[in-house]
Amino acid sequence: MCFTYSTWWYLNNRWCKISSLPTNWPIVGMLPELIRNLHRVHEKITEVLIESKGTFEFHGPVFANFNMLGASDPANIHYILSKNFSNYPKGVEFRKYFDIFGNGIFSVDYELWEIHR
């Protein structure tokens, strides 16, 4: 009885889902929803950003440490990139991956960024 009810609940919630926001699963994060919509990834991202009012945090798999923030609201983008840039450092991991850019405007933090700008 319990198995039948849980199967019904799962299928009902997955197939009758009104929200376009992806489900954050315990270990794999929101990756299954991304893979399921890979053929229309841009449309899915647009739907999610519209429903979440322009800012959405994507949670990737726990073992990959792949969390991202998507923003499409012009006020939020201005706040992050110009008004309060010092609160959003890129960090050591970012510099390690994008070492090829050196100390250019795309890979430096606040102090050097102001000089380049």
C-alpha atoms as a PDB file:
ATOM      1  CA  MET A   1       0.000   0.000   0.000  1.00  0.00           C
ATOM      2  CA  CYS A   2       2.771   2.430   0.926  1.00  0.00           C
ATOM      3  CA  PHE A   3       4.679   1.688  -2.298  1.00  0.00           C
ATOM      4  CA  THR A   4       1.540   2.264  -4.387  1.00  0.00           C
ATOM      5  CA  TYR A   5       0.817   5.583  -2.691  1.00  0.00           C
ATOM      6  CA  SER A   6       4.403   6.835  -2.989  1.00  0.00           C
ATOM      7  CA  THR A   7       4.509   5.858  -6.683  1.00  0.00           C
ATOM      8  CA  TRP A   8       1.221   7.665  -7.310  1.00  0.00           C
ATOM      9  CA  TRP A   9       2.458  10.734  -5.415  1.00  0.00           C
ATOM     10  CA  TYR A  10       5.758  10.824  -7.330  1.00  0.00           C
ATOM     11  CA  LEU A  11       4.148  10.466 -10.765  1.00  0.00           C
ATOM     12  CA  ASN A  12       1.402  12.954  -9.959  1.00  0.00           C
ATOM     13  CA  ASN A  13       3.898  15.569  -8.799  1.00  0.00           C
ATOM     14  CA  ARG A  14       6.272  15.019 -11.730  1.00  0.00           C
ATOM     15  CA  TRP A  15       3.675  14.954 -14.514  1.00  0.00           C
ATOM     16  CA  CYS A  16       1.316  17.588 -13.146  1.00  0.00           C
ATOM     17  CA  LYS A  17       4.038  20.009 -12.222  1.00  0.00           C
ATOM     18  CA  ILE A  18       2.882  23.572 -12.870  1.00  0.00           C
ATOM     19  CA  SER A  19       6.113  25.304 -11.947  1.00  0.00           C
ATOM     20  CA  SER A  20       8.999  25.365 -14.435  1.00  0.00           C
ATOM     21  CA  LEU A  21      11.545  25.618 -11.620  1.00  0.00           C
ATOM     22  CA  PRO A  22      13.768  22.531 -11.420  1.00  0.00           C
ATOM     23  CA  THR A  23      13.640  20.231  -8.409  1.00  0.00           C
ATOM     24  CA  ASN A  24      16.734  20.222  -6.202  1.00  0.00           C
ATOM     25  CA  TRP A  25      17.421  16.510  -5.598  1.00  0.00           C
ATOM     26  CA  PRO A  26      19.569  15.495  -2.576  1.00  0.00           C
ATOM     27  CA  ILE A  27      22.733  14.220  -4.326  1.00  0.00           C
ATOM     28  CA  VAL A  28      22.457  15.144  -7.996  1.00  0.00           C
ATOM     29  CA  GLY A  29      21.009  18.625  -7.458  1.00  0.00           C
ATOM     30  CA  MET A  30      19.170  20.067 -10.462  1.00  0.00           C
ATOM     31  CA  LEU A  31      21.251  18.182 -13.017  1.00  0.00           C
ATOM     32  CA  PRO A  32      18.486  15.727 -14.089  1.00  0.00           C
ATOM     33  CA  GLU A  33      16.241  18.616 -15.110  1.00  0.00           C
ATOM     34  CA  LEU A  34      19.083  20.197 -17.088  1.00  0.00           C
ATOM     35  CA  ILE A  35      19.843  16.919 -18.885  1.00  0.00           C
ATOM     36  CA  ARG A  36      16.156  16.334 -19.581  1.00  0.00           C
ATOM     37  CA  ASN A  37      15.913  19.749 -21.274  1.00  0.00           C
ATOM     38  CA  LEU A  38      19.317  19.722 -22.954  1.00  0.00           C
ATOM     39  CA  HIS A  39      17.753  19.915 -26.411  1.00  0.00           C
ATOM     40  CA  ARG A  40      16.059  23.198 -25.414  1.00  0.00           C
ATOM     41  CA  VAL A  41      18.372  24.519 -22.724  1.00  0.00           C
ATOM     42  CA  HIS A  42      18.033  28.208 -23.647  1.00  0.00           C
ATOM     43  CA  GLU A  43      14.252  28.089 -23.564  1.00  0.00           C
ATOM     44  CA  LYS A  44      14.307  26.285 -20.194  1.00  0.00           C
ATOM     45  CA  ILE A  45      16.692  28.836 -18.691  1.00  0.00           C
ATOM     46  CA  THR A  46      14.441  31.640 -19.952  1.00  0.00           C
ATOM     47  CA  GLU A  47      11.347  29.999 -18.409  1.00  0.00           C
ATOM     48  CA  VAL A  48      13.129  29.541 -15.081  1.00  0.00           C
ATOM     49  CA  LEU A  49      14.405  33.134 -14.994  1.00  0.00           C
ATOM     50  CA  ILE A  50      10.959  34.509 -15.847  1.00  0.00           C
ATOM     51  CA  GLU A  51       9.285  32.447 -13.116  1.00  0.00           C
ATOM     52  CA  SER A  52      11.944  33.301 -10.515  1.00  0.00           C
ATOM     53  CA  LYS A  53      11.694  37.059 -11.257  1.00  0.00           C
ATOM     54  CA  GLY A  54      15.104  37.321 -12.933  1.00  0.00           C
ATOM     55  CA  THR A  55      17.486  35.666 -10.454  1.00  0.00           C
ATOM     56  CA  PHE A  56      17.916  31.943  -9.897  1.00  0.00           C
ATOM     57  CA  GLU A  57      20.491  29.784  -8.093  1.00  0.00           C
ATOM     58  CA  PHE A  58      21.257  26.514  -9.871  1.00  0.00           C
ATOM     59  CA  HIS A  59      22.439  23.698  -7.581  1.00  0.00           C
ATOM     60  CA  GLY A  60      24.625  21.142  -9.285  1.00  0.00           C
ATOM     61  CA  PRO A  61      25.685  17.731  -8.016  1.00  0.00           C
ATOM     62  CA  VAL A  62      27.174  17.670  -4.530  1.00  0.00           C
ATOM     63  CA  PHE A  63      30.288  15.829  -5.684  1.00  0.00           C
ATOM     64  CA  ALA A  64      30.987  18.385  -8.460  1.00  0.00           C
ATOM     65  CA  ASN A  65      30.653  21.582  -6.382  1.00  0.00           C
ATOM     66  CA  PHE A  66      28.853  23.175  -9.339  1.00  0.00           C
ATOM     67  CA  ASN A  67      26.488  25.864  -8.072  1.00  0.00           C
ATOM     68  CA  MET A  68      25.748  28.873 -10.262  1.00  0.00           C
ATOM     69  CA  LEU A  69      23.754  32.084  -9.969  1.00  0.00           C
ATOM     70  CA  GLY A  70      21.828  33.202 -13.028  1.00  0.00           C
ATOM     71  CA  ALA A  71      20.635  36.792 -13.217  1.00  0.00           C
ATOM     72  CA  SER A  72      18.730  38.601 -15.945  1.00  0.00           C
ATOM     73  CA  ASP A  73      17.297  41.552 -14.046  1.00  0.00           C
ATOM     74  CA  PRO A  74      19.242  44.689 -15.125  1.00  0.00           C
ATOM     75  CA  ALA A  75      19.179  46.112 -11.583  1.00  0.00           C
ATOM     76  CA  ASN A  76      20.771  42.930 -10.158  1.00  0.00           C
ATOM     77  CA  ILE A  77      23.406  42.812 -12.894  1.00  0.00           C
ATOM     78  CA  HIS A  78      24.305  46.465 -12.268  1.00  0.00           C
ATOM     79  CA  TYR A  79      24.541  45.765  -8.542  1.00  0.00           C
ATOM     80  CA  ILE A  80      26.833  42.744  -9.023  1.00  0.00           C
ATOM     81  CA  LEU A  81      29.090  44.098 -11.788  1.00  0.00           C
ATOM     82  CA  SER A  82      29.339  47.795 -10.950  1.00  0.00           C
ATOM     83  CA  LYS A  83      27.817  49.093  -7.748  1.00  0.00           C
ATOM     84  CA  ASN A  84      28.998  46.432  -5.297  1.00  0.00           C
ATOM     85  CA  PHE A  85      31.674  44.543  -7.234  1.00  0.00           C
ATOM     86  CA  SER A  86      33.964  44.150  -4.200  1.00  0.00           C
ATOM     87  CA  ASN A  87      31.457  41.810  -2.482  1.00  0.00           C
ATOM     88  CA  TYR A  88      31.705  39.238  -5.289  1.00  0.00           C
ATOM     89  CA  PRO A  89      35.334  38.058  -5.490  1.00  0.00           C
ATOM     90  CA  LYS A  90      36.238  35.470  -8.093  1.00  0.00           C
ATOM     91  CA  GLY A  91      38.492  33.538  -5.754  1.00  0.00           C
ATOM     92  CA  VAL A  92      41.376  31.108  -6.078  1.00  0.00           C
ATOM     93  CA  GLU A  93      39.450  28.395  -7.976  1.00  0.00           C
ATOM     94  CA  PHE A  94      38.375  30.832 -10.687  1.00  0.00           C
ATOM     95  CA  ARG A  95      41.925  32.138 -11.117  1.00  0.00           C
ATOM     96  CA  LYS A  96      43.228  28.585 -11.339  1.00  0.00           C
ATOM     97  CA  TYR A  97      40.830  27.670 -14.158  1.00  0.00           C
ATOM     98  CA  PHE A  98      41.230  30.935 -16.066  1.00  0.00           C
ATOM     99  CA  ASP A  99      44.960  31.428 -15.558  1.00  0.00           C
ATOM    100  CA  ILE A 100      45.361  31.814 -19.314  1.00  0.00           C
ATOM    101  CA  PHE A 101      43.836  35.319 -19.084  1.00  0.00           C
ATOM    102  CA  GLY A 102      46.562  36.428 -16.655  1.00  0.00           C
ATOM    103  CA  ASN A 103      45.731  39.622 -14.774  1.00  0.00           C
ATOM    104  CA  GLY A 104      43.348  40.927 -17.424  1.00  0.00           C
ATOM    105  CA  ILE A 105      40.061  42.655 -16.722  1.00  0.00           C
ATOM    106  CA  PHE A 106      38.094  39.365 -16.883  1.00  0.00           C
ATOM    107  CA  SER A 107      40.051  37.477 -14.231  1.00  0.00           C
ATOM    108  CA  VAL A 108      41.010  39.997 -11.536  1.00  0.00           C
ATOM    109  CA  ASP A 109      39.211  41.032  -8.389  1.00  0.00           C
ATOM    110  CA  TYR A 110      38.158  44.482  -7.229  1.00  0.00           C
ATOM    111  CA  GLU A 111      41.441  46.374  -6.741  1.00  0.00           C
ATOM    112  CA  LEU A 112      43.084  45.384 -10.033  1.00  0.00           C
ATOM    113  CA  TRP A 113      39.732  45.549 -11.825  1.00  0.00           C
ATOM    114  CA  GLU A 114      39.390  49.243 -10.925  1.00  0.00           C
ATOM    115  CA  ILE A 115      42.820  49.913 -12.391  1.00  0.00           C
ATOM    116  CA  HIS A 116      41.983  48.098 -15.624  1.00  0.00           C
ATOM    117  CA  ARG A 117      38.594  49.729 -15.947  1.00  0.00           C
END
